N, C-alpha and C. Protein backbone atom coordinates (compact mmCIF):
# COMPACT_ATOMS: atom_id res chain seq x y z
N MET A 1 -154.61 -10.58 -140.34
CA MET A 1 -154.82 -9.14 -140.49
C MET A 1 -154.35 -8.70 -141.87
N ASN A 2 -155.13 -7.92 -142.53
CA ASN A 2 -154.77 -7.42 -143.86
C ASN A 2 -153.75 -6.31 -143.75
N VAL A 3 -152.84 -6.28 -144.70
CA VAL A 3 -151.86 -5.21 -144.74
C VAL A 3 -152.52 -4.00 -145.38
N VAL A 4 -152.56 -2.90 -144.63
CA VAL A 4 -153.20 -1.69 -145.12
C VAL A 4 -152.19 -0.81 -145.84
N PHE A 5 -151.03 -0.64 -145.23
CA PHE A 5 -149.97 0.18 -145.81
C PHE A 5 -148.76 -0.71 -146.04
N ASP A 6 -148.08 -0.52 -147.16
CA ASP A 6 -146.92 -1.34 -147.46
C ASP A 6 -145.69 -0.46 -147.67
N ASP A 7 -144.60 -1.07 -148.14
CA ASP A 7 -143.34 -0.35 -148.32
C ASP A 7 -143.45 0.78 -149.34
N LEU A 8 -144.31 0.62 -150.33
CA LEU A 8 -144.50 1.70 -151.31
C LEU A 8 -145.12 2.93 -150.67
N ASP A 9 -146.02 2.72 -149.71
CA ASP A 9 -146.61 3.84 -148.99
C ASP A 9 -145.56 4.56 -148.15
N VAL A 10 -144.71 3.78 -147.49
CA VAL A 10 -143.63 4.38 -146.70
C VAL A 10 -142.71 5.17 -147.61
N PHE A 11 -142.35 4.61 -148.76
CA PHE A 11 -141.48 5.29 -149.71
C PHE A 11 -142.13 6.59 -150.18
N TYR A 12 -143.41 6.54 -150.50
CA TYR A 12 -144.13 7.75 -150.95
C TYR A 12 -144.11 8.83 -149.88
N LEU A 13 -144.44 8.45 -148.65
CA LEU A 13 -144.46 9.43 -147.56
C LEU A 13 -143.07 10.02 -147.32
N ALA A 14 -142.04 9.19 -147.36
CA ALA A 14 -140.68 9.66 -147.12
C ALA A 14 -140.23 10.63 -148.21
N ASN A 15 -140.72 10.46 -149.43
CA ASN A 15 -140.31 11.34 -150.53
C ASN A 15 -141.17 12.58 -150.67
N GLU A 16 -142.41 12.52 -150.19
CA GLU A 16 -143.33 13.64 -150.40
C GLU A 16 -143.45 14.57 -149.20
N LEU A 17 -143.15 14.09 -147.99
CA LEU A 17 -143.33 14.91 -146.80
C LEU A 17 -142.00 15.14 -146.09
N SER A 18 -141.90 16.28 -145.46
CA SER A 18 -140.71 16.57 -144.67
C SER A 18 -140.86 15.95 -143.28
N LEU A 19 -139.77 15.95 -142.50
CA LEU A 19 -139.83 15.41 -141.15
C LEU A 19 -140.88 16.12 -140.29
N PRO A 20 -140.92 17.47 -140.29
CA PRO A 20 -141.97 18.13 -139.49
C PRO A 20 -143.39 17.75 -139.95
N GLN A 21 -143.59 17.62 -141.26
CA GLN A 21 -144.92 17.24 -141.75
C GLN A 21 -145.27 15.82 -141.32
N LEU A 22 -144.30 14.91 -141.37
CA LEU A 22 -144.56 13.54 -140.93
C LEU A 22 -144.87 13.49 -139.45
N ARG A 23 -144.14 14.26 -138.65
CA ARG A 23 -144.41 14.29 -137.21
C ARG A 23 -145.81 14.83 -136.94
N HIS A 24 -146.23 15.83 -137.73
CA HIS A 24 -147.58 16.36 -137.59
C HIS A 24 -148.61 15.28 -137.92
N GLU A 25 -148.38 14.53 -138.98
CA GLU A 25 -149.31 13.46 -139.37
C GLU A 25 -149.38 12.38 -138.30
N ILE A 26 -148.25 12.07 -137.66
CA ILE A 26 -148.24 11.06 -136.60
C ILE A 26 -149.09 11.54 -135.42
N ARG A 27 -148.91 12.82 -135.03
CA ARG A 27 -149.70 13.37 -133.93
C ARG A 27 -151.19 13.35 -134.27
N HIS A 28 -151.53 13.72 -135.50
CA HIS A 28 -152.93 13.74 -135.92
C HIS A 28 -153.51 12.32 -135.91
N ALA A 29 -152.76 11.36 -136.42
CA ALA A 29 -153.24 9.98 -136.45
C ALA A 29 -153.43 9.44 -135.03
N ASN A 30 -152.50 9.75 -134.12
CA ASN A 30 -152.64 9.31 -132.73
C ASN A 30 -153.87 9.92 -132.08
N MET A 31 -154.13 11.18 -132.40
CA MET A 31 -155.32 11.84 -131.87
C MET A 31 -156.58 11.15 -132.39
N MET A 32 -156.60 10.79 -133.67
CA MET A 32 -157.77 10.13 -134.24
C MET A 32 -157.96 8.73 -133.67
N VAL A 33 -156.88 8.04 -133.32
CA VAL A 33 -156.99 6.73 -132.66
C VAL A 33 -157.69 6.92 -131.32
N ALA A 34 -157.29 7.97 -130.59
CA ALA A 34 -157.92 8.24 -129.29
C ALA A 34 -159.39 8.59 -129.45
N VAL A 35 -159.72 9.37 -130.48
CA VAL A 35 -161.13 9.72 -130.73
C VAL A 35 -161.93 8.47 -131.05
N ASP A 36 -161.40 7.62 -131.92
CA ASP A 36 -162.10 6.38 -132.26
C ASP A 36 -162.31 5.51 -131.02
N ALA A 37 -161.30 5.44 -130.16
CA ALA A 37 -161.42 4.63 -128.95
C ALA A 37 -162.46 5.23 -128.00
N ALA A 38 -162.50 6.54 -127.92
CA ALA A 38 -163.45 7.20 -127.01
C ALA A 38 -164.89 6.99 -127.46
N PHE A 39 -165.12 6.97 -128.75
CA PHE A 39 -166.48 6.84 -129.26
C PHE A 39 -166.81 5.42 -129.73
N ASP A 40 -165.91 4.49 -129.52
CA ASP A 40 -166.12 3.09 -129.91
C ASP A 40 -166.54 2.94 -131.36
N GLY A 41 -166.04 3.80 -132.22
CA GLY A 41 -166.35 3.71 -133.63
C GLY A 41 -167.75 4.17 -133.99
N THR A 42 -168.49 4.75 -133.04
CA THR A 42 -169.87 5.16 -133.31
C THR A 42 -169.95 6.45 -134.10
N THR A 43 -168.80 7.09 -134.36
CA THR A 43 -168.83 8.34 -135.13
C THR A 43 -168.96 8.06 -136.61
N TYR A 44 -168.81 6.82 -137.02
CA TYR A 44 -168.89 6.48 -138.43
C TYR A 44 -170.26 5.86 -138.71
N ALA A 45 -170.90 6.28 -139.77
CA ALA A 45 -172.22 5.76 -140.11
C ALA A 45 -172.07 4.38 -140.74
N ASP A 46 -172.06 4.31 -142.05
CA ASP A 46 -171.95 3.03 -142.74
C ASP A 46 -170.59 2.85 -143.39
N THR A 47 -169.64 3.66 -143.01
CA THR A 47 -168.32 3.58 -143.64
C THR A 47 -167.36 2.79 -142.76
N THR A 48 -166.36 2.27 -143.37
CA THR A 48 -165.31 1.56 -142.66
C THR A 48 -164.37 2.60 -142.05
N PRO A 49 -164.07 2.49 -140.78
CA PRO A 49 -163.18 3.48 -140.16
C PRO A 49 -161.78 3.44 -140.78
N PHE A 50 -161.16 4.61 -140.84
CA PHE A 50 -159.81 4.71 -141.39
C PHE A 50 -158.82 4.09 -140.40
N PRO A 51 -157.84 3.34 -140.88
CA PRO A 51 -156.88 2.68 -139.98
C PRO A 51 -155.80 3.66 -139.49
N TRP A 52 -156.17 4.51 -138.54
CA TRP A 52 -155.26 5.57 -138.08
C TRP A 52 -153.99 5.02 -137.44
N ALA A 53 -154.11 3.97 -136.65
CA ALA A 53 -152.92 3.42 -135.98
C ALA A 53 -151.91 2.91 -137.01
N GLU A 54 -152.41 2.26 -138.05
CA GLU A 54 -151.52 1.75 -139.10
C GLU A 54 -150.89 2.91 -139.89
N PHE A 55 -151.67 3.97 -140.10
CA PHE A 55 -151.13 5.13 -140.79
C PHE A 55 -150.02 5.79 -139.97
N ALA A 56 -150.24 5.89 -138.65
CA ALA A 56 -149.20 6.46 -137.77
C ALA A 56 -147.93 5.63 -137.84
N GLU A 57 -148.07 4.31 -137.85
CA GLU A 57 -146.90 3.44 -137.94
C GLU A 57 -146.20 3.60 -139.28
N CYS A 58 -146.96 3.75 -140.34
CA CYS A 58 -146.39 3.98 -141.68
C CYS A 58 -145.59 5.28 -141.69
N CYS A 59 -146.14 6.32 -141.06
CA CYS A 59 -145.42 7.61 -140.98
C CYS A 59 -144.15 7.46 -140.15
N ARG A 60 -144.21 6.70 -139.05
CA ARG A 60 -143.02 6.47 -138.23
C ARG A 60 -141.93 5.78 -139.04
N GLU A 61 -142.32 4.79 -139.85
CA GLU A 61 -141.35 4.10 -140.69
C GLU A 61 -140.75 5.05 -141.71
N ALA A 62 -141.55 5.98 -142.23
CA ALA A 62 -141.03 6.97 -143.18
C ALA A 62 -140.03 7.89 -142.50
N VAL A 63 -140.32 8.30 -141.25
CA VAL A 63 -139.38 9.13 -140.49
C VAL A 63 -138.06 8.38 -140.31
N CYS A 64 -138.15 7.11 -139.93
CA CYS A 64 -136.93 6.30 -139.75
C CYS A 64 -136.16 6.16 -141.06
N ALA A 65 -136.88 5.99 -142.16
CA ALA A 65 -136.21 5.87 -143.47
C ALA A 65 -135.48 7.16 -143.83
N ILE A 66 -136.12 8.30 -143.58
CA ILE A 66 -135.48 9.59 -143.88
C ILE A 66 -134.25 9.78 -143.01
N GLN A 67 -134.39 9.49 -141.71
CA GLN A 67 -133.26 9.67 -140.80
C GLN A 67 -132.10 8.74 -141.15
N GLU A 68 -132.42 7.51 -141.52
CA GLU A 68 -131.38 6.56 -141.92
C GLU A 68 -130.69 7.03 -143.20
N HIS A 69 -131.47 7.52 -144.16
CA HIS A 69 -130.89 8.04 -145.40
C HIS A 69 -129.99 9.23 -145.12
N ASN A 70 -130.43 10.13 -144.23
CA ASN A 70 -129.62 11.31 -143.91
C ASN A 70 -128.33 10.94 -143.19
N GLN A 71 -128.37 9.88 -142.37
CA GLN A 71 -127.15 9.45 -141.69
C GLN A 71 -126.17 8.80 -142.67
N GLN A 72 -126.69 8.06 -143.63
CA GLN A 72 -125.82 7.38 -144.60
C GLN A 72 -125.31 8.33 -145.67
N ASN A 73 -126.05 9.40 -145.95
CA ASN A 73 -125.68 10.36 -146.99
C ASN A 73 -125.67 11.78 -146.44
N PRO A 74 -124.70 12.09 -145.59
CA PRO A 74 -124.68 13.44 -145.03
C PRO A 74 -124.43 14.48 -146.12
N GLN A 75 -125.13 15.58 -146.03
CA GLN A 75 -124.97 16.66 -147.00
C GLN A 75 -123.80 17.55 -146.58
N PRO A 76 -122.79 17.67 -147.43
CA PRO A 76 -121.69 18.57 -147.07
C PRO A 76 -122.17 20.02 -147.10
N ALA A 77 -121.66 20.76 -146.15
CA ALA A 77 -122.01 22.18 -146.11
C ALA A 77 -121.32 22.90 -147.26
N ALA A 78 -122.08 23.75 -147.91
CA ALA A 78 -121.48 24.54 -149.00
C ALA A 78 -120.48 25.52 -148.39
N PRO A 79 -119.31 25.66 -149.01
CA PRO A 79 -118.30 26.55 -148.44
C PRO A 79 -118.82 28.00 -148.41
N GLY A 80 -118.71 28.60 -147.25
CA GLY A 80 -119.10 30.00 -147.11
C GLY A 80 -120.60 30.22 -147.04
N HIS A 81 -121.40 29.15 -147.06
CA HIS A 81 -122.85 29.30 -147.01
C HIS A 81 -123.36 28.85 -145.65
N ARG A 82 -123.82 29.81 -144.88
CA ARG A 82 -124.38 29.51 -143.57
C ARG A 82 -125.75 30.14 -143.48
N ILE A 83 -126.61 29.49 -142.76
CA ILE A 83 -127.93 30.06 -142.52
C ILE A 83 -127.80 30.98 -141.31
N ASP A 84 -128.14 32.23 -141.50
CA ASP A 84 -128.05 33.21 -140.42
C ASP A 84 -129.40 33.29 -139.73
N ALA A 85 -129.45 32.81 -138.48
CA ALA A 85 -130.71 32.76 -137.73
C ALA A 85 -131.27 34.17 -137.51
N ALA A 86 -130.41 35.12 -137.22
CA ALA A 86 -130.89 36.49 -136.99
C ALA A 86 -131.52 37.08 -138.24
N ASP A 87 -130.92 36.79 -139.40
CA ASP A 87 -131.47 37.29 -140.66
C ASP A 87 -132.83 36.65 -140.96
N ILE A 88 -132.92 35.33 -140.72
CA ILE A 88 -134.19 34.63 -140.96
C ILE A 88 -135.26 35.19 -140.02
N LYS A 89 -134.90 35.39 -138.76
CA LYS A 89 -135.87 35.91 -137.79
C LYS A 89 -136.32 37.31 -138.16
N ALA A 90 -135.40 38.12 -138.67
CA ALA A 90 -135.76 39.49 -139.05
C ALA A 90 -136.69 39.50 -140.26
N ARG A 91 -136.52 38.55 -141.17
CA ARG A 91 -137.36 38.50 -142.38
C ARG A 91 -138.68 37.79 -142.16
N ALA A 92 -138.77 36.94 -141.17
CA ALA A 92 -139.99 36.16 -140.93
C ALA A 92 -141.04 37.02 -140.24
N ASP A 93 -142.23 37.02 -140.78
CA ASP A 93 -143.36 37.71 -140.16
C ASP A 93 -144.15 36.68 -139.36
N ILE A 94 -144.13 36.82 -138.05
CA ILE A 94 -144.74 35.81 -137.20
C ILE A 94 -146.24 35.67 -137.45
N VAL A 95 -146.90 36.77 -137.80
CA VAL A 95 -148.35 36.71 -138.04
C VAL A 95 -148.66 35.82 -139.24
N SER A 96 -147.94 36.01 -140.33
CA SER A 96 -148.21 35.20 -141.52
C SER A 96 -147.82 33.74 -141.30
N ILE A 97 -146.81 33.48 -140.50
CA ILE A 97 -146.39 32.10 -140.24
C ILE A 97 -147.41 31.40 -139.34
N VAL A 98 -147.86 32.08 -138.29
CA VAL A 98 -148.85 31.49 -137.40
C VAL A 98 -150.16 31.25 -138.14
N GLU A 99 -150.50 32.13 -139.07
CA GLU A 99 -151.75 31.98 -139.83
C GLU A 99 -151.72 30.75 -140.74
N GLN A 100 -150.56 30.17 -140.97
CA GLN A 100 -150.49 28.93 -141.73
C GLN A 100 -150.99 27.74 -140.90
N TYR A 101 -151.04 27.93 -139.57
CA TYR A 101 -151.44 26.85 -138.67
C TYR A 101 -152.80 27.08 -138.02
N THR A 102 -153.21 28.34 -137.89
CA THR A 102 -154.48 28.65 -137.25
C THR A 102 -154.97 30.02 -137.73
N ARG A 103 -156.26 30.24 -137.59
CA ARG A 103 -156.83 31.51 -138.02
C ARG A 103 -156.64 32.55 -136.91
N LEU A 104 -156.20 33.73 -137.29
CA LEU A 104 -155.99 34.82 -136.33
C LEU A 104 -156.99 35.93 -136.58
N ARG A 105 -157.34 36.63 -135.50
CA ARG A 105 -158.24 37.76 -135.58
C ARG A 105 -157.55 38.96 -134.95
N LYS A 106 -157.56 40.08 -135.64
CA LYS A 106 -156.89 41.28 -135.15
C LYS A 106 -157.72 41.89 -134.01
N THR A 107 -157.06 42.17 -132.89
CA THR A 107 -157.77 42.73 -131.74
C THR A 107 -157.17 44.04 -131.26
N GLY A 108 -156.17 44.50 -131.90
CA GLY A 108 -155.53 45.75 -131.52
C GLY A 108 -154.65 46.23 -132.65
N HIS A 109 -153.88 47.26 -132.37
CA HIS A 109 -153.03 47.83 -133.42
C HIS A 109 -152.05 46.80 -133.96
N ASN A 110 -151.36 46.10 -133.07
CA ASN A 110 -150.36 45.09 -133.47
C ASN A 110 -150.58 43.78 -132.74
N ARG A 111 -151.83 43.44 -132.45
CA ARG A 111 -152.12 42.26 -131.65
C ARG A 111 -153.18 41.41 -132.36
N PHE A 112 -152.94 40.09 -132.36
CA PHE A 112 -153.85 39.13 -132.97
C PHE A 112 -154.12 38.02 -131.97
N VAL A 113 -155.32 37.45 -132.02
CA VAL A 113 -155.64 36.32 -131.15
C VAL A 113 -156.12 35.16 -132.01
N GLY A 114 -155.92 33.96 -131.49
CA GLY A 114 -156.36 32.76 -132.19
C GLY A 114 -156.23 31.56 -131.28
N GLN A 115 -156.64 30.42 -131.79
CA GLN A 115 -156.53 29.18 -131.04
C GLN A 115 -155.14 28.58 -131.26
N TYR A 116 -154.51 28.19 -130.18
CA TYR A 116 -153.19 27.54 -130.27
C TYR A 116 -153.39 26.19 -130.94
N PRO A 117 -152.65 25.88 -131.99
CA PRO A 117 -152.89 24.65 -132.77
C PRO A 117 -152.75 23.36 -131.98
N LEU A 118 -152.07 23.38 -130.85
CA LEU A 118 -151.87 22.15 -130.10
C LEU A 118 -152.92 21.91 -129.03
N HIS A 119 -153.91 22.80 -128.93
CA HIS A 119 -154.99 22.65 -127.96
C HIS A 119 -156.31 22.47 -128.68
N GLU A 120 -157.21 21.78 -128.05
CA GLU A 120 -158.57 21.65 -128.57
C GLU A 120 -159.46 22.59 -127.76
N ASP A 121 -159.23 23.88 -127.89
CA ASP A 121 -160.06 24.83 -127.16
C ASP A 121 -161.04 25.51 -128.10
N LYS A 122 -162.11 26.04 -127.52
CA LYS A 122 -163.15 26.67 -128.33
C LYS A 122 -162.96 28.18 -128.40
N HIS A 123 -162.17 28.72 -127.51
CA HIS A 123 -161.95 30.16 -127.47
C HIS A 123 -160.48 30.45 -127.72
N PRO A 124 -160.18 31.61 -128.25
CA PRO A 124 -158.76 31.95 -128.50
C PRO A 124 -157.96 31.91 -127.21
N SER A 125 -156.85 31.21 -127.25
CA SER A 125 -155.97 31.12 -126.08
C SER A 125 -154.58 31.67 -126.38
N MET A 126 -154.34 32.02 -127.63
CA MET A 126 -153.01 32.47 -128.03
C MET A 126 -153.08 33.89 -128.55
N THR A 127 -152.10 34.68 -128.16
CA THR A 127 -151.98 36.05 -128.65
C THR A 127 -150.67 36.17 -129.41
N VAL A 128 -150.72 36.80 -130.58
CA VAL A 128 -149.54 37.04 -131.39
C VAL A 128 -149.33 38.55 -131.43
N TYR A 129 -148.13 38.96 -131.10
CA TYR A 129 -147.78 40.37 -131.07
C TYR A 129 -146.91 40.69 -132.27
N ALA A 130 -147.45 41.45 -133.21
CA ALA A 130 -146.72 41.75 -134.45
C ALA A 130 -145.60 42.73 -134.21
N ASP A 131 -145.74 43.63 -133.24
CA ASP A 131 -144.72 44.66 -133.05
C ASP A 131 -143.40 44.10 -132.55
N ASN A 132 -143.45 43.11 -131.66
CA ASN A 132 -142.17 42.53 -131.21
C ASN A 132 -141.99 41.09 -131.69
N GLN A 133 -142.82 40.67 -132.66
CA GLN A 133 -142.68 39.36 -133.31
C GLN A 133 -142.62 38.22 -132.30
N SER A 134 -143.63 38.18 -131.40
CA SER A 134 -143.67 37.12 -130.40
C SER A 134 -145.10 36.60 -130.27
N TRP A 135 -145.24 35.53 -129.50
CA TRP A 135 -146.55 34.92 -129.26
C TRP A 135 -146.59 34.37 -127.85
N HIS A 136 -147.80 34.16 -127.34
CA HIS A 136 -147.97 33.59 -126.01
C HIS A 136 -149.29 32.85 -125.95
N CYS A 137 -149.27 31.62 -125.41
CA CYS A 137 -150.49 30.85 -125.19
C CYS A 137 -150.80 30.92 -123.70
N PHE A 138 -151.99 31.41 -123.38
CA PHE A 138 -152.36 31.58 -121.99
C PHE A 138 -152.89 30.30 -121.36
N GLN A 139 -153.16 29.28 -122.16
CA GLN A 139 -153.64 28.03 -121.61
C GLN A 139 -152.47 27.18 -121.09
N CYS A 140 -151.41 27.08 -121.88
CA CYS A 140 -150.27 26.25 -121.45
C CYS A 140 -149.06 27.09 -121.03
N ASN A 141 -149.19 28.40 -121.13
CA ASN A 141 -148.15 29.35 -120.71
C ASN A 141 -146.86 29.19 -121.51
N LYS A 142 -147.00 28.82 -122.78
CA LYS A 142 -145.85 28.77 -123.68
C LYS A 142 -145.83 30.04 -124.51
N GLY A 143 -144.68 30.36 -125.02
CA GLY A 143 -144.56 31.53 -125.87
C GLY A 143 -143.13 31.69 -126.35
N GLY A 144 -142.92 32.76 -127.08
CA GLY A 144 -141.58 33.03 -127.58
C GLY A 144 -141.61 33.68 -128.94
N ASP A 145 -140.57 33.42 -129.70
CA ASP A 145 -140.46 34.02 -131.02
C ASP A 145 -140.92 33.03 -132.09
N VAL A 146 -140.66 33.35 -133.33
CA VAL A 146 -141.13 32.52 -134.45
C VAL A 146 -140.48 31.13 -134.41
N PHE A 147 -139.23 31.04 -133.97
CA PHE A 147 -138.57 29.74 -133.88
C PHE A 147 -139.24 28.86 -132.82
N ASP A 148 -139.57 29.46 -131.68
CA ASP A 148 -140.24 28.70 -130.62
C ASP A 148 -141.60 28.17 -131.10
N PHE A 149 -142.31 28.97 -131.87
CA PHE A 149 -143.61 28.53 -132.38
C PHE A 149 -143.45 27.34 -133.33
N ILE A 150 -142.53 27.44 -134.27
CA ILE A 150 -142.32 26.35 -135.24
C ILE A 150 -141.86 25.09 -134.51
N MET A 151 -140.97 25.24 -133.52
CA MET A 151 -140.50 24.07 -132.78
C MET A 151 -141.65 23.43 -132.02
N ALA A 152 -142.56 24.23 -131.47
CA ALA A 152 -143.67 23.68 -130.69
C ALA A 152 -144.69 22.96 -131.58
N VAL A 153 -145.13 23.60 -132.65
CA VAL A 153 -146.19 22.99 -133.45
C VAL A 153 -145.69 21.84 -134.33
N ASN A 154 -144.41 21.83 -134.67
CA ASN A 154 -143.88 20.75 -135.51
C ASN A 154 -143.09 19.72 -134.71
N SER A 155 -142.98 19.90 -133.40
CA SER A 155 -142.21 18.98 -132.55
C SER A 155 -140.82 18.74 -133.13
N CYS A 156 -140.12 19.82 -133.37
CA CYS A 156 -138.79 19.69 -133.96
C CYS A 156 -137.79 20.50 -133.14
N ASP A 157 -136.51 20.35 -133.47
CA ASP A 157 -135.49 21.11 -132.77
C ASP A 157 -135.23 22.44 -133.51
N PHE A 158 -134.31 23.22 -132.97
CA PHE A 158 -134.05 24.54 -133.53
C PHE A 158 -133.53 24.46 -134.96
N LYS A 159 -132.66 23.49 -135.23
CA LYS A 159 -132.10 23.37 -136.57
C LYS A 159 -133.19 23.12 -137.61
N GLU A 160 -134.12 22.21 -137.30
CA GLU A 160 -135.22 21.93 -138.23
C GLU A 160 -136.13 23.14 -138.39
N ALA A 161 -136.37 23.87 -137.29
CA ALA A 161 -137.20 25.07 -137.38
C ALA A 161 -136.51 26.12 -138.24
N LEU A 162 -135.22 26.25 -138.10
CA LEU A 162 -134.45 27.20 -138.91
C LEU A 162 -134.52 26.83 -140.38
N GLU A 163 -134.36 25.55 -140.69
CA GLU A 163 -134.45 25.10 -142.08
C GLU A 163 -135.86 25.30 -142.64
N CYS A 164 -136.86 25.07 -141.80
CA CYS A 164 -138.25 25.25 -142.22
C CYS A 164 -138.52 26.71 -142.59
N LEU A 165 -137.99 27.63 -141.81
CA LEU A 165 -138.21 29.05 -142.07
C LEU A 165 -137.31 29.58 -143.18
N ALA A 166 -136.16 28.94 -143.37
CA ALA A 166 -135.24 29.41 -144.41
C ALA A 166 -135.85 29.17 -145.77
């Protein structure tokens, strides 16, 4: 078997992408592996299919490299510098943040609808409420504030979502 991705690719991914971005790429690659398996490669005309499984593994290795580096080189907290979650939440506009992941359409004074990024639906299943800075997906019954949205779409914990929004 030919090596498609090597250590330089892992190094590049680890230096260029954040943990949430790498996790997103892994999910996307896994989805494409499933699509290729479902269609038996018939979706490609005369081109060689992209090695999605190998790319997902390369991203996983980059995640491990980042986590290992972070464990070996912990960042000391700056004295007196704390990230205030309430301040970040007050400054974050949920509509503009959600629009980075999916297209929204205004349907009321302070209401927007769109497709939830984690579903493959054809009709809007998610509503974003600008007045109380919340969202709700009616297909999977998930919802919450801007932190809950970032944690859901990036498969991360609260700390990573807070850093992402900061």
